[in-house]
Amino acid sequence: MNKNQKKRQLNRGLSIALALLLAVTVSVTIIAFASSSRKKPIESTNTSETSNTETTSSTTTTATEKPTDNPVVAKPDEIICPVSGGVLGKVFSADVPVWSLTMEDYRVHSGIDITADAGTAVMACADGTITEVKADPMMGQTITITHAEGYQSIYKNLQTKLPENIKIGTKVSAGDTIGYVGDTALVEISDSPHLHFEFIGENVSVDPLTFFAVPVSDSTSNYED
């Protein structure tokens, strides 16, 4: 083999090698492109599935949420008017101030006043236990009775003299005499003798006329028919 023949053979070999290299390069590029094209819809599908899953999860959470229920506490079985033969002197007004004859100003009234002759018996409005007996500096002789479910009735402006058995811890029944109508409340001293009566349910003042009726007189303060 002469020199020219060897040179042609070498060139032929290089050409074949270059052709093979080019073919491999093109093949790799095509495979890579095809692989990349296949991955894109898969990623899109996964994203959609993830989004759907999150939406479903959010919807499920919202659907299972429940509003907090406010518990309803039952009032005592029997609530009676604590004064027999009295008339309504002043109504309950815990939000709108009403005129105070004694203080000569407007102030809220968290109970009702039942006007009656001084010395008229004041009765427990329901079964319960006496939990407080005190001489309030502004509202006079005061007795508090705690009833079922934590309800409380409060009797103010009583005479200072009380029945002998009336003390903290005494259990009483509806209708039992616990005191007498008086005029010991300094902030209501200008009014006629009366019982200032309050009722507390779930730590909120409640209008006692929700539970019983009291006759209305022409002199009833802040009464609307």
N, C-alpha and C. Protein backbone atom coordinates (compact mmCIF):
# COMPACT_ATOMS: atom_id res chain seq x y z
N MET A 1 0.86 -1.19 0.00
CA MET A 1 0.00 0.00 0.00
C MET A 1 0.89 1.23 0.00
N ASN A 2 0.68 2.09 -1.01
CA ASN A 2 1.52 3.28 -1.07
C ASN A 2 1.00 4.35 -0.14
N LYS A 3 1.69 5.44 -0.14
CA LYS A 3 1.41 6.53 0.80
C LYS A 3 0.06 7.16 0.52
N ASN A 4 -0.31 7.33 -0.75
CA ASN A 4 -1.60 7.96 -1.09
C ASN A 4 -2.78 7.08 -0.66
N GLN A 5 -2.60 5.78 -0.85
CA GLN A 5 -3.68 4.86 -0.45
C GLN A 5 -3.92 4.90 1.07
N LYS A 6 -2.81 4.98 1.81
CA LYS A 6 -2.94 5.05 3.28
C LYS A 6 -3.66 6.34 3.70
N LYS A 7 -3.35 7.42 2.98
CA LYS A 7 -3.96 8.70 3.34
C LYS A 7 -5.46 8.67 3.07
N ARG A 8 -5.84 8.04 1.89
CA ARG A 8 -7.27 7.96 1.58
C ARG A 8 -8.03 7.08 2.59
N GLN A 9 -7.37 6.02 3.01
CA GLN A 9 -7.99 5.12 3.99
C GLN A 9 -8.18 5.82 5.32
N LEU A 10 -7.21 6.63 5.72
CA LEU A 10 -7.30 7.36 7.00
C LEU A 10 -8.44 8.37 6.93
N ASN A 11 -8.52 9.06 5.78
CA ASN A 11 -9.58 10.06 5.62
C ASN A 11 -10.96 9.41 5.67
N ARG A 12 -11.06 8.20 5.02
CA ARG A 12 -12.31 7.47 5.04
C ARG A 12 -12.71 7.07 6.45
N GLY A 13 -11.71 6.66 7.23
CA GLY A 13 -11.98 6.26 8.63
C GLY A 13 -12.44 7.44 9.46
N LEU A 14 -11.78 8.59 9.25
CA LEU A 14 -12.17 9.78 10.01
C LEU A 14 -13.59 10.22 9.65
N SER A 15 -13.88 10.09 8.34
CA SER A 15 -15.24 10.49 7.90
C SER A 15 -16.31 9.61 8.54
N ILE A 16 -15.97 8.29 8.56
CA ILE A 16 -16.94 7.36 9.17
C ILE A 16 -17.12 7.66 10.66
N ALA A 17 -16.00 7.95 11.36
CA ALA A 17 -16.06 8.25 12.80
C ALA A 17 -16.87 9.51 13.06
N LEU A 18 -16.63 10.54 12.22
CA LEU A 18 -17.36 11.80 12.37
C LEU A 18 -18.86 11.59 12.12
N ALA A 19 -19.14 10.74 11.11
CA ALA A 19 -20.54 10.46 10.81
C ALA A 19 -21.22 9.75 11.97
N LEU A 20 -20.50 8.77 12.52
CA LEU A 20 -21.06 8.06 13.68
C LEU A 20 -21.27 9.00 14.86
N LEU A 21 -20.26 9.89 15.11
CA LEU A 21 -20.37 10.83 16.24
C LEU A 21 -21.55 11.77 16.04
N LEU A 22 -21.71 12.24 14.79
CA LEU A 22 -22.83 13.13 14.49
C LEU A 22 -24.16 12.41 14.70
N ALA A 23 -24.19 11.15 14.23
CA ALA A 23 -25.43 10.38 14.40
C ALA A 23 -25.78 10.18 15.87
N VAL A 24 -24.75 9.87 16.68
CA VAL A 24 -24.98 9.71 18.12
C VAL A 24 -25.48 10.99 18.74
N THR A 25 -24.84 12.12 18.35
CA THR A 25 -25.23 13.42 18.91
C THR A 25 -26.68 13.74 18.57
N VAL A 26 -27.06 13.53 17.32
CA VAL A 26 -28.43 13.80 16.89
C VAL A 26 -29.41 12.91 17.65
N SER A 27 -29.03 11.63 17.80
CA SER A 27 -29.90 10.69 18.52
C SER A 27 -30.12 11.11 19.96
N VAL A 28 -29.02 11.50 20.63
CA VAL A 28 -29.12 11.94 22.03
C VAL A 28 -30.01 13.17 22.15
N THR A 29 -29.84 14.10 21.19
CA THR A 29 -30.65 15.33 21.22
C THR A 29 -32.13 15.03 21.05
N ILE A 30 -32.42 14.11 20.08
CA ILE A 30 -33.82 13.73 19.84
C ILE A 30 -34.42 13.05 21.07
N ILE A 31 -33.64 12.16 21.68
CA ILE A 31 -34.14 11.45 22.87
C ILE A 31 -34.40 12.42 24.02
N ALA A 32 -33.45 13.37 24.21
CA ALA A 32 -33.60 14.35 25.29
C ALA A 32 -34.82 15.22 25.07
N PHE A 33 -35.03 15.64 23.81
CA PHE A 33 -36.18 16.49 23.50
C PHE A 33 -37.49 15.75 23.73
N ALA A 34 -37.50 14.48 23.26
CA ALA A 34 -38.71 13.68 23.43
C ALA A 34 -39.01 13.45 24.91
N SER A 35 -37.96 13.21 25.69
CA SER A 35 -38.14 12.99 27.13
C SER A 35 -38.67 14.23 27.79
N SER A 36 -38.12 15.39 27.41
CA SER A 36 -38.58 16.66 27.98
C SER A 36 -40.03 16.92 27.64
N SER A 37 -40.43 16.59 26.41
CA SER A 37 -41.81 16.81 25.98
C SER A 37 -42.78 15.93 26.75
N ARG A 38 -42.33 14.71 27.07
CA ARG A 38 -43.19 13.81 27.84
C ARG A 38 -43.37 14.27 29.28
N LYS A 39 -42.37 14.93 29.88
CA LYS A 39 -42.42 15.34 31.29
C LYS A 39 -43.39 16.49 31.53
N LYS A 40 -43.52 17.38 30.55
CA LYS A 40 -44.32 18.59 30.76
C LYS A 40 -45.78 18.29 31.08
N PRO A 41 -46.46 17.47 30.30
CA PRO A 41 -47.87 17.19 30.67
C PRO A 41 -48.00 16.47 31.97
N ILE A 42 -47.00 15.65 32.33
CA ILE A 42 -47.04 14.96 33.62
C ILE A 42 -46.99 15.96 34.75
N GLU A 43 -46.08 16.96 34.64
CA GLU A 43 -45.97 17.98 35.68
C GLU A 43 -47.26 18.78 35.77
N SER A 44 -47.85 19.10 34.62
CA SER A 44 -49.09 19.85 34.60
C SER A 44 -50.21 19.07 35.27
N THR A 45 -50.25 17.76 34.99
CA THR A 45 -51.27 16.90 35.59
C THR A 45 -51.11 16.84 37.10
N ASN A 46 -49.86 16.73 37.58
CA ASN A 46 -49.61 16.67 39.02
C ASN A 46 -50.03 17.96 39.70
N THR A 47 -49.71 19.08 39.03
CA THR A 47 -50.09 20.38 39.61
C THR A 47 -51.59 20.49 39.73
N SER A 48 -52.29 20.02 38.67
CA SER A 48 -53.74 20.08 38.70
C SER A 48 -54.31 19.20 39.80
N GLU A 49 -53.70 18.00 39.94
CA GLU A 49 -54.17 17.09 40.98
C GLU A 49 -53.95 17.69 42.36
N THR A 50 -52.75 18.31 42.53
CA THR A 50 -52.46 18.94 43.83
C THR A 50 -53.45 20.04 44.13
N SER A 51 -53.73 20.87 43.08
CA SER A 51 -54.68 21.96 43.27
C SER A 51 -56.05 21.44 43.64
N ASN A 52 -56.48 20.35 42.93
CA ASN A 52 -57.79 19.76 43.23
C ASN A 52 -57.84 19.20 44.63
N THR A 53 -56.72 18.58 45.05
CA THR A 53 -56.66 18.00 46.40
C THR A 53 -56.78 19.09 47.44
N GLU A 54 -56.05 20.22 47.21
CA GLU A 54 -56.10 21.31 48.18
C GLU A 54 -57.49 21.90 48.24
N THR A 55 -58.13 22.05 47.05
CA THR A 55 -59.48 22.60 47.03
C THR A 55 -60.46 21.70 47.77
N THR A 56 -60.33 20.38 47.52
CA THR A 56 -61.20 19.42 48.21
C THR A 56 -61.00 19.46 49.70
N SER A 57 -59.73 19.56 50.13
CA SER A 57 -59.41 19.61 51.56
C SER A 57 -60.01 20.84 52.19
N SER A 58 -59.88 21.99 51.49
CA SER A 58 -60.41 23.25 52.02
C SER A 58 -61.92 23.18 52.13
N THR A 59 -62.56 22.61 51.09
CA THR A 59 -64.02 22.50 51.10
C THR A 59 -64.49 21.61 52.22
N THR A 60 -63.77 20.51 52.45
CA THR A 60 -64.14 19.57 53.52
C THR A 60 -64.04 20.23 54.87
N THR A 61 -62.96 21.02 55.11
CA THR A 61 -62.77 21.70 56.39
C THR A 61 -63.89 22.68 56.66
N THR A 62 -64.24 23.45 55.61
CA THR A 62 -65.30 24.43 55.77
C THR A 62 -66.63 23.76 56.07
N ALA A 63 -66.88 22.65 55.41
CA ALA A 63 -68.17 21.97 55.59
C ALA A 63 -68.32 21.37 56.96
N THR A 64 -67.20 20.97 57.59
CA THR A 64 -67.29 20.30 58.88
C THR A 64 -67.22 21.27 60.05
N GLU A 65 -66.95 22.57 59.80
CA GLU A 65 -66.90 23.54 60.89
C GLU A 65 -68.31 23.77 61.42
N LYS A 66 -68.44 23.89 62.75
CA LYS A 66 -69.74 24.11 63.37
C LYS A 66 -69.67 25.36 64.25
N PRO A 67 -70.67 26.22 64.21
CA PRO A 67 -70.67 27.39 65.08
C PRO A 67 -70.78 26.97 66.53
N THR A 68 -70.18 27.77 67.40
CA THR A 68 -70.24 27.48 68.83
C THR A 68 -71.65 27.74 69.34
N ASP A 69 -72.25 26.74 69.94
CA ASP A 69 -73.60 26.88 70.47
C ASP A 69 -73.57 27.51 71.84
N ASN A 70 -74.41 28.51 72.05
CA ASN A 70 -74.52 29.11 73.38
C ASN A 70 -75.44 28.24 74.23
N PRO A 71 -74.93 27.72 75.35
CA PRO A 71 -75.77 26.85 76.17
C PRO A 71 -76.96 27.60 76.76
N VAL A 72 -78.11 26.98 76.77
CA VAL A 72 -79.31 27.57 77.36
C VAL A 72 -79.51 26.98 78.74
N VAL A 73 -79.49 27.83 79.72
CA VAL A 73 -79.62 27.38 81.11
C VAL A 73 -81.08 27.49 81.53
N ALA A 74 -81.62 26.42 82.08
CA ALA A 74 -83.02 26.41 82.49
C ALA A 74 -83.21 27.23 83.76
N LYS A 75 -84.27 28.01 83.79
CA LYS A 75 -84.58 28.80 84.98
C LYS A 75 -85.22 27.90 86.03
N PRO A 76 -85.28 28.37 87.29
CA PRO A 76 -85.96 27.58 88.32
C PRO A 76 -87.38 27.22 87.90
N ASP A 77 -87.86 26.09 88.40
CA ASP A 77 -89.17 25.59 87.97
C ASP A 77 -90.32 26.55 88.28
N GLU A 78 -90.24 27.23 89.43
CA GLU A 78 -91.34 28.11 89.84
C GLU A 78 -90.79 29.44 90.33
N ILE A 79 -91.27 30.53 89.74
CA ILE A 79 -90.87 31.87 90.18
C ILE A 79 -92.13 32.67 90.42
N ILE A 80 -92.29 33.12 91.65
CA ILE A 80 -93.50 33.86 92.01
C ILE A 80 -93.14 35.30 92.36
N CYS A 81 -94.16 36.15 92.37
CA CYS A 81 -93.95 37.53 92.79
C CYS A 81 -93.61 37.55 94.28
N PRO A 82 -92.53 38.23 94.68
CA PRO A 82 -92.10 38.17 96.08
C PRO A 82 -92.93 39.03 97.05
N VAL A 83 -93.84 39.85 96.53
CA VAL A 83 -94.67 40.68 97.40
C VAL A 83 -96.13 40.51 96.99
N SER A 84 -96.96 40.16 97.95
CA SER A 84 -98.38 39.98 97.68
C SER A 84 -99.11 41.30 97.94
N GLY A 85 -99.93 41.73 96.97
CA GLY A 85 -100.73 42.95 97.16
C GLY A 85 -100.00 44.22 96.79
N GLY A 86 -98.77 44.13 96.27
CA GLY A 86 -98.04 45.32 95.89
C GLY A 86 -98.37 45.77 94.47
N VAL A 87 -97.87 46.96 94.12
CA VAL A 87 -98.04 47.47 92.77
C VAL A 87 -96.67 47.84 92.21
N LEU A 88 -96.59 47.92 90.91
CA LEU A 88 -95.32 48.22 90.27
C LEU A 88 -94.98 49.70 90.43
N GLY A 89 -93.87 49.98 91.10
CA GLY A 89 -93.46 51.36 91.32
C GLY A 89 -92.50 51.87 90.26
N LYS A 90 -91.53 51.04 89.87
CA LYS A 90 -90.57 51.41 88.82
C LYS A 90 -90.19 50.15 88.07
N VAL A 91 -90.09 50.27 86.73
CA VAL A 91 -89.83 49.11 85.89
C VAL A 91 -88.33 48.87 85.73
N PHE A 92 -88.03 47.72 85.17
CA PHE A 92 -86.65 47.33 84.85
C PHE A 92 -86.16 48.16 83.66
N SER A 93 -84.96 48.73 83.78
CA SER A 93 -84.39 49.51 82.68
C SER A 93 -82.87 49.46 82.79
N ALA A 94 -82.29 48.34 82.34
CA ALA A 94 -80.85 48.14 82.49
C ALA A 94 -80.04 48.85 81.42
N ASP A 95 -80.68 49.28 80.33
CA ASP A 95 -79.95 49.91 79.24
C ASP A 95 -80.23 51.41 79.10
N VAL A 96 -81.48 51.80 79.36
CA VAL A 96 -81.86 53.20 79.21
C VAL A 96 -82.00 53.85 80.60
N PRO A 97 -81.23 54.90 80.89
CA PRO A 97 -81.32 55.56 82.20
C PRO A 97 -82.72 56.13 82.43
N VAL A 98 -83.20 56.00 83.67
CA VAL A 98 -84.49 56.56 84.05
C VAL A 98 -84.28 57.54 85.20
N TRP A 99 -85.26 58.39 85.44
CA TRP A 99 -85.13 59.46 86.41
C TRP A 99 -85.16 58.92 87.84
N SER A 100 -84.19 59.34 88.64
CA SER A 100 -84.14 58.98 90.06
C SER A 100 -84.65 60.16 90.87
N LEU A 101 -85.78 59.96 91.57
CA LEU A 101 -86.37 61.03 92.37
C LEU A 101 -85.44 61.45 93.50
N THR A 102 -84.75 60.51 94.09
CA THR A 102 -83.85 60.81 95.21
C THR A 102 -82.57 61.50 94.74
N MET A 103 -81.93 60.95 93.72
CA MET A 103 -80.64 61.48 93.26
C MET A 103 -80.79 62.63 92.27
N GLU A 104 -82.02 62.83 91.77
CA GLU A 104 -82.31 63.89 90.82
C GLU A 104 -81.39 63.82 89.59
N ASP A 105 -81.28 62.61 89.05
CA ASP A 105 -80.53 62.41 87.82
C ASP A 105 -81.05 61.16 87.12
N TYR A 106 -80.51 60.90 85.96
CA TYR A 106 -80.91 59.70 85.21
C TYR A 106 -79.89 58.59 85.43
N ARG A 107 -80.38 57.40 85.72
CA ARG A 107 -79.51 56.25 85.93
C ARG A 107 -80.26 54.96 85.59
N VAL A 108 -79.50 53.91 85.28
CA VAL A 108 -80.14 52.64 84.93
C VAL A 108 -80.78 52.03 86.18
N HIS A 109 -81.78 51.18 85.96
CA HIS A 109 -82.48 50.53 87.05
C HIS A 109 -82.49 49.03 86.76
N SER A 110 -81.64 48.28 87.45
CA SER A 110 -81.41 46.87 87.12
C SER A 110 -82.40 45.91 87.76
N GLY A 111 -83.49 46.43 88.28
CA GLY A 111 -84.53 45.59 88.87
C GLY A 111 -85.88 46.26 88.73
N ILE A 112 -86.85 45.80 89.50
CA ILE A 112 -88.16 46.47 89.56
C ILE A 112 -88.42 46.86 91.01
N ASP A 113 -89.20 47.92 91.20
CA ASP A 113 -89.64 48.32 92.54
C ASP A 113 -91.10 47.92 92.70
N ILE A 114 -91.38 47.14 93.75
CA ILE A 114 -92.76 46.75 94.06
C ILE A 114 -93.18 47.52 95.30
N THR A 115 -94.05 48.48 95.09
CA THR A 115 -94.50 49.36 96.18
C THR A 115 -95.55 48.65 97.04
N ALA A 116 -95.37 48.74 98.36
CA ALA A 116 -96.31 48.13 99.31
C ALA A 116 -96.12 48.82 100.66
N ASP A 117 -97.03 48.58 101.57
CA ASP A 117 -96.91 49.19 102.90
C ASP A 117 -95.65 48.67 103.59
N ALA A 118 -95.01 49.54 104.36
CA ALA A 118 -93.83 49.13 105.13
C ALA A 118 -94.23 47.99 106.06
N GLY A 119 -93.42 46.96 106.12
CA GLY A 119 -93.70 45.82 106.98
C GLY A 119 -94.37 44.67 106.24
N THR A 120 -94.78 44.89 104.97
CA THR A 120 -95.39 43.81 104.19
C THR A 120 -94.36 42.69 103.99
N ALA A 121 -94.80 41.46 104.12
CA ALA A 121 -93.88 40.33 104.00
C ALA A 121 -93.29 40.24 102.60
N VAL A 122 -92.01 39.94 102.56
CA VAL A 122 -91.30 39.69 101.30
C VAL A 122 -90.98 38.20 101.26
N MET A 123 -91.36 37.55 100.17
CA MET A 123 -91.22 36.10 100.07
C MET A 123 -90.11 35.71 99.09
N ALA A 124 -89.54 34.52 99.32
CA ALA A 124 -88.60 33.96 98.34
C ALA A 124 -89.37 33.69 97.06
N CYS A 125 -88.80 34.10 95.92
CA CYS A 125 -89.52 33.94 94.66
C CYS A 125 -89.43 32.51 94.12
N ALA A 126 -88.48 31.72 94.63
CA ALA A 126 -88.29 30.34 94.16
C ALA A 126 -87.48 29.59 95.20
N ASP A 127 -87.46 28.27 95.07
CA ASP A 127 -86.64 27.46 95.98
C ASP A 127 -85.16 27.81 95.81
N GLY A 128 -84.42 27.78 96.91
CA GLY A 128 -83.00 28.08 96.81
C GLY A 128 -82.34 28.16 98.17
N THR A 129 -81.14 28.70 98.19
CA THR A 129 -80.36 28.83 99.43
C THR A 129 -79.90 30.28 99.58
N ILE A 130 -80.04 30.82 100.78
CA ILE A 130 -79.59 32.19 101.04
C ILE A 130 -78.06 32.21 101.03
N THR A 131 -77.49 33.02 100.16
CA THR A 131 -76.04 33.07 100.02
C THR A 131 -75.44 34.41 100.44
N GLU A 132 -76.30 35.39 100.74
CA GLU A 132 -75.77 36.68 101.20
C GLU A 132 -76.83 37.41 102.00
N VAL A 133 -76.42 37.97 103.12
CA VAL A 133 -77.26 38.85 103.94
C VAL A 133 -76.36 40.00 104.35
N LYS A 134 -76.71 41.22 103.91
CA LYS A 134 -75.83 42.35 104.21
C LYS A 134 -76.61 43.65 104.26
N ALA A 135 -76.01 44.63 104.92
CA ALA A 135 -76.55 45.98 104.94
C ALA A 135 -75.76 46.79 103.92
N ASP A 136 -76.30 46.90 102.72
CA ASP A 136 -75.62 47.64 101.66
C ASP A 136 -75.69 49.14 101.96
N PRO A 137 -74.55 49.87 101.89
CA PRO A 137 -74.57 51.29 102.25
C PRO A 137 -75.47 52.14 101.38
N MET A 138 -75.77 51.71 100.16
CA MET A 138 -76.61 52.51 99.27
C MET A 138 -77.99 51.90 99.06
N MET A 139 -78.08 50.57 99.00
CA MET A 139 -79.36 49.92 98.71
C MET A 139 -80.01 49.30 99.94
N GLY A 140 -79.45 49.51 101.12
CA GLY A 140 -80.08 49.08 102.35
C GLY A 140 -79.97 47.59 102.61
N GLN A 141 -80.84 47.09 103.49
CA GLN A 141 -80.81 45.68 103.86
C GLN A 141 -81.06 44.82 102.62
N THR A 142 -80.14 43.89 102.38
CA THR A 142 -80.16 43.11 101.14
C THR A 142 -80.01 41.62 101.43
N ILE A 143 -80.78 40.82 100.71
CA ILE A 143 -80.67 39.36 100.81
C ILE A 143 -80.54 38.80 99.39
N THR A 144 -79.64 37.85 99.23
CA THR A 144 -79.47 37.17 97.93
C THR A 144 -79.75 35.69 98.11
N ILE A 145 -80.56 35.16 97.21
CA ILE A 145 -80.87 33.72 97.20
C ILE A 145 -80.35 33.13 95.89
N THR A 146 -79.61 32.03 95.99
CA THR A 146 -79.11 31.33 94.80
C THR A 146 -80.02 30.14 94.51
N HIS A 147 -80.46 30.05 93.26
CA HIS A 147 -81.41 29.01 92.84
C HIS A 147 -80.73 27.99 91.94
N ALA A 148 -81.53 27.10 91.36
CA ALA A 148 -81.01 26.08 90.46
C ALA A 148 -80.29 26.71 89.28
N GLU A 149 -79.23 26.02 88.81
CA GLU A 149 -78.44 26.44 87.66
C GLU A 149 -77.77 27.79 87.84
N GLY A 150 -77.57 28.21 89.10
CA GLY A 150 -76.84 29.44 89.36
C GLY A 150 -77.65 30.72 89.26
N TYR A 151 -78.96 30.63 89.02
CA TYR A 151 -79.79 31.83 89.00
C TYR A 151 -79.81 32.45 90.39
N GLN A 152 -79.96 33.76 90.45
CA GLN A 152 -80.00 34.46 91.73
C GLN A 152 -81.14 35.47 91.76
N SER A 153 -81.77 35.58 92.91
CA SER A 153 -82.74 36.65 93.14
C SER A 153 -82.20 37.52 94.28
N ILE A 154 -82.36 38.84 94.13
CA ILE A 154 -81.79 39.79 95.10
C ILE A 154 -82.90 40.72 95.59
N TYR A 155 -83.00 40.85 96.91
CA TYR A 155 -84.06 41.62 97.56
C TYR A 155 -83.41 42.77 98.32
N LYS A 156 -83.74 44.01 97.93
CA LYS A 156 -83.10 45.18 98.52
C LYS A 156 -84.14 46.14 99.10
N ASN A 157 -83.67 47.06 99.93
CA ASN A 157 -84.53 48.05 100.60
C ASN A 157 -85.46 47.39 101.61
N LEU A 158 -85.00 46.28 102.22
CA LEU A 158 -85.77 45.60 103.25
C LEU A 158 -85.62 46.32 104.59
N GLN A 159 -86.53 46.01 105.51
CA GLN A 159 -86.34 46.47 106.88
C GLN A 159 -85.12 45.77 107.47
N THR A 160 -84.47 46.42 108.41
CA THR A 160 -83.26 45.83 109.02
C THR A 160 -83.61 44.60 109.86
N LYS A 161 -84.82 44.57 110.42
CA LYS A 161 -85.23 43.41 111.21
C LYS A 161 -85.68 42.29 110.29
N LEU A 162 -85.05 41.13 110.42
CA LEU A 162 -85.35 39.98 109.58
C LEU A 162 -85.86 38.82 110.42
N PRO A 163 -86.57 37.87 109.84
CA PRO A 163 -86.97 36.66 110.59
C PRO A 163 -85.73 35.99 111.17
N GLU A 164 -85.88 35.34 112.30
CA GLU A 164 -84.73 34.77 113.02
C GLU A 164 -83.96 33.73 112.21
N ASN A 165 -84.65 32.97 111.40
CA ASN A 165 -83.99 31.87 110.69
C ASN A 165 -83.30 32.32 109.39
N ILE A 166 -83.39 33.61 109.06
CA ILE A 166 -82.83 34.09 107.80
C ILE A 166 -81.34 34.41 107.98
N LYS A 167 -80.51 33.55 107.46
CA LYS A 167 -79.06 33.73 107.52
C LYS A 167 -78.41 32.97 106.37
N ILE A 168 -77.15 33.22 106.14
CA ILE A 168 -76.44 32.55 105.05
C ILE A 168 -76.47 31.03 105.28
N GLY A 169 -76.84 30.30 104.23
CA GLY A 169 -76.91 28.85 104.32
C GLY A 169 -78.31 28.31 104.52
N THR A 170 -79.25 29.18 104.88
CA THR A 170 -80.63 28.73 105.08
C THR A 170 -81.28 28.36 103.75
N LYS A 171 -81.89 27.18 103.70
CA LYS A 171 -82.61 26.77 102.49
C LYS A 171 -84.06 27.25 102.60
N VAL A 172 -84.55 27.83 101.53
CA VAL A 172 -85.91 28.37 101.54
C VAL A 172 -86.70 27.81 100.35
N SER A 173 -88.01 27.85 100.48
CA SER A 173 -88.89 27.43 99.40
C SER A 173 -89.66 28.64 98.89
N ALA A 174 -90.15 28.55 97.67
CA ALA A 174 -90.95 29.64 97.11
C ALA A 174 -92.12 29.95 98.03
N GLY A 175 -92.26 31.23 98.41
CA GLY A 175 -93.35 31.65 99.29
C GLY A 175 -92.94 31.82 100.74
N ASP A 176 -91.75 31.35 101.13
CA ASP A 176 -91.27 31.54 102.51
C ASP A 176 -90.96 33.02 102.74
N THR A 177 -91.34 33.52 103.92
CA THR A 177 -91.03 34.92 104.26
C THR A 177 -89.55 35.05 104.61
N ILE A 178 -88.87 35.97 103.93
CA ILE A 178 -87.44 36.18 104.19
C ILE A 178 -87.15 37.57 104.73
N GLY A 179 -88.14 38.48 104.68
CA GLY A 179 -87.93 39.84 105.16
C GLY A 179 -89.20 40.65 105.00
N TYR A 180 -89.04 41.99 105.13
CA TYR A 180 -90.21 42.87 105.10
C TYR A 180 -89.89 44.13 104.30
N VAL A 181 -90.91 44.64 103.59
CA VAL A 181 -90.73 45.87 102.82
C VAL A 181 -90.28 46.99 103.74
N GLY A 182 -89.28 47.73 103.31
CA GLY A 182 -88.76 48.82 104.15
C GLY A 182 -88.43 50.06 103.34
N ASP A 183 -87.54 50.90 103.91
CA ASP A 183 -87.09 52.12 103.24
C ASP A 183 -85.65 52.42 103.65
N THR A 184 -84.82 51.40 103.57
CA THR A 184 -83.42 51.53 104.02
C THR A 184 -82.44 51.88 102.89
N ALA A 185 -82.91 51.93 101.62
CA ALA A 185 -82.03 52.26 100.50
C ALA A 185 -81.88 53.76 100.38
N LEU A 186 -80.70 54.28 100.65
CA LEU A 186 -80.47 55.73 100.62
C LEU A 186 -80.71 56.32 99.23
N VAL A 187 -80.38 55.56 98.18
CA VAL A 187 -80.53 56.11 96.83
C VAL A 187 -81.97 56.05 96.34
N GLU A 188 -82.89 55.47 97.13
CA GLU A 188 -84.30 55.43 96.76
C GLU A 188 -85.19 55.88 97.91
N ILE A 189 -84.60 56.66 98.81
CA ILE A 189 -85.29 57.05 100.03
C ILE A 189 -86.48 57.97 99.77
N SER A 190 -86.48 58.69 98.64
CA SER A 190 -87.58 59.60 98.34
C SER A 190 -88.80 58.87 97.77
N ASP A 191 -88.62 57.61 97.39
CA ASP A 191 -89.74 56.82 96.90
C ASP A 191 -90.53 56.23 98.07
N SER A 192 -91.75 55.81 97.79
CA SER A 192 -92.57 55.17 98.82
C SER A 192 -91.92 53.85 99.22
N PRO A 193 -92.23 53.32 100.42
CA PRO A 193 -91.68 52.01 100.82
C PRO A 193 -91.91 50.97 99.72
N HIS A 194 -90.90 50.21 99.43
CA HIS A 194 -91.01 49.25 98.33
C HIS A 194 -89.91 48.19 98.46
N LEU A 195 -90.08 47.11 97.72
CA LEU A 195 -89.03 46.12 97.56
C LEU A 195 -88.34 46.37 96.23
N HIS A 196 -87.04 46.57 96.27
CA HIS A 196 -86.26 46.63 95.03
C HIS A 196 -85.82 45.20 94.75
N PHE A 197 -86.34 44.63 93.66
CA PHE A 197 -86.12 43.21 93.37
C PHE A 197 -85.36 43.03 92.06
N GLU A 198 -84.28 42.23 92.11
CA GLU A 198 -83.48 41.94 90.92
C GLU A 198 -83.40 40.43 90.70
N PHE A 199 -83.24 40.07 89.44
CA PHE A 199 -83.09 38.65 89.10
C PHE A 199 -81.92 38.51 88.13
N ILE A 200 -81.00 37.58 88.45
CA ILE A 200 -79.79 37.39 87.65
C ILE A 200 -79.81 35.99 87.03
N GLY A 201 -79.63 35.94 85.72
CA GLY A 201 -79.55 34.67 85.01
C GLY A 201 -78.37 34.68 84.06
N GLU A 202 -77.49 33.68 84.17
CA GLU A 202 -76.28 33.60 83.34
C GLU A 202 -75.45 34.87 83.47
N ASN A 203 -75.36 35.37 84.72
CA ASN A 203 -74.57 36.56 85.05
C ASN A 203 -75.07 37.84 84.38
N VAL A 204 -76.33 37.85 83.98
CA VAL A 204 -76.93 39.02 83.35
C VAL A 204 -78.23 39.37 84.07
N SER A 205 -78.46 40.67 84.28
CA SER A 205 -79.72 41.10 84.89
C SER A 205 -80.88 40.81 83.95
N VAL A 206 -81.93 40.21 84.50
CA VAL A 206 -83.11 39.84 83.71
C VAL A 206 -84.32 40.60 84.26
N ASP A 207 -85.19 41.04 83.38
CA ASP A 207 -86.41 41.73 83.81
C ASP A 207 -87.29 40.72 84.56
N PRO A 208 -87.54 40.95 85.85
CA PRO A 208 -88.37 40.02 86.62
C PRO A 208 -89.77 39.84 86.05
N LEU A 209 -90.27 40.87 85.33
CA LEU A 209 -91.62 40.77 84.77
C LEU A 209 -91.68 39.74 83.64
N THR A 210 -90.54 39.16 83.30
CA THR A 210 -90.52 38.04 82.35
C THR A 210 -91.19 36.82 82.97
N PHE A 211 -91.14 36.73 84.32
CA PHE A 211 -91.59 35.53 85.01
C PHE A 211 -92.93 35.68 85.71
N PHE A 212 -93.29 36.88 86.10
CA PHE A 212 -94.57 37.08 86.79
C PHE A 212 -95.06 38.50 86.53
N ALA A 213 -96.34 38.73 86.84
CA ALA A 213 -96.95 40.04 86.62
C ALA A 213 -97.11 40.78 87.95
N VAL A 214 -97.04 42.10 87.89
CA VAL A 214 -97.28 42.95 89.05
C VAL A 214 -98.29 44.02 88.63
N PRO A 215 -99.35 44.24 89.39
CA PRO A 215 -100.33 45.27 89.03
C PRO A 215 -99.66 46.63 88.83
N VAL A 216 -100.15 47.36 87.85
CA VAL A 216 -99.60 48.69 87.52
C VAL A 216 -100.51 49.76 88.08
N SER A 217 -99.90 50.80 88.69
CA SER A 217 -100.68 51.92 89.19
C SER A 217 -100.42 53.15 88.32
N ASP A 218 -101.20 54.19 88.52
CA ASP A 218 -101.03 55.42 87.75
C ASP A 218 -99.67 56.07 88.03
N SER A 219 -99.07 55.75 89.15
CA SER A 219 -97.81 56.39 89.54
C SER A 219 -96.59 55.55 89.14
N THR A 220 -96.80 54.44 88.42
CA THR A 220 -95.68 53.59 88.02
C THR A 220 -94.70 54.40 87.17
N SER A 221 -93.43 54.39 87.55
CA SER A 221 -92.41 55.18 86.86
C SER A 221 -91.88 54.45 85.63
N ASN A 222 -91.84 55.21 84.50
CA ASN A 222 -91.25 54.71 83.25
C ASN A 222 -91.97 53.48 82.71
N TYR A 223 -93.30 53.44 82.92
CA TYR A 223 -94.07 52.31 82.42
C TYR A 223 -94.71 52.65 81.10
N GLU A 224 -94.58 51.74 80.13
CA GLU A 224 -95.22 51.93 78.83
C GLU A 224 -96.21 50.79 78.63
N ASP A 225 -97.44 51.12 78.39
CA ASP A 225 -98.48 50.10 78.23
C ASP A 225 -98.30 49.36 76.90
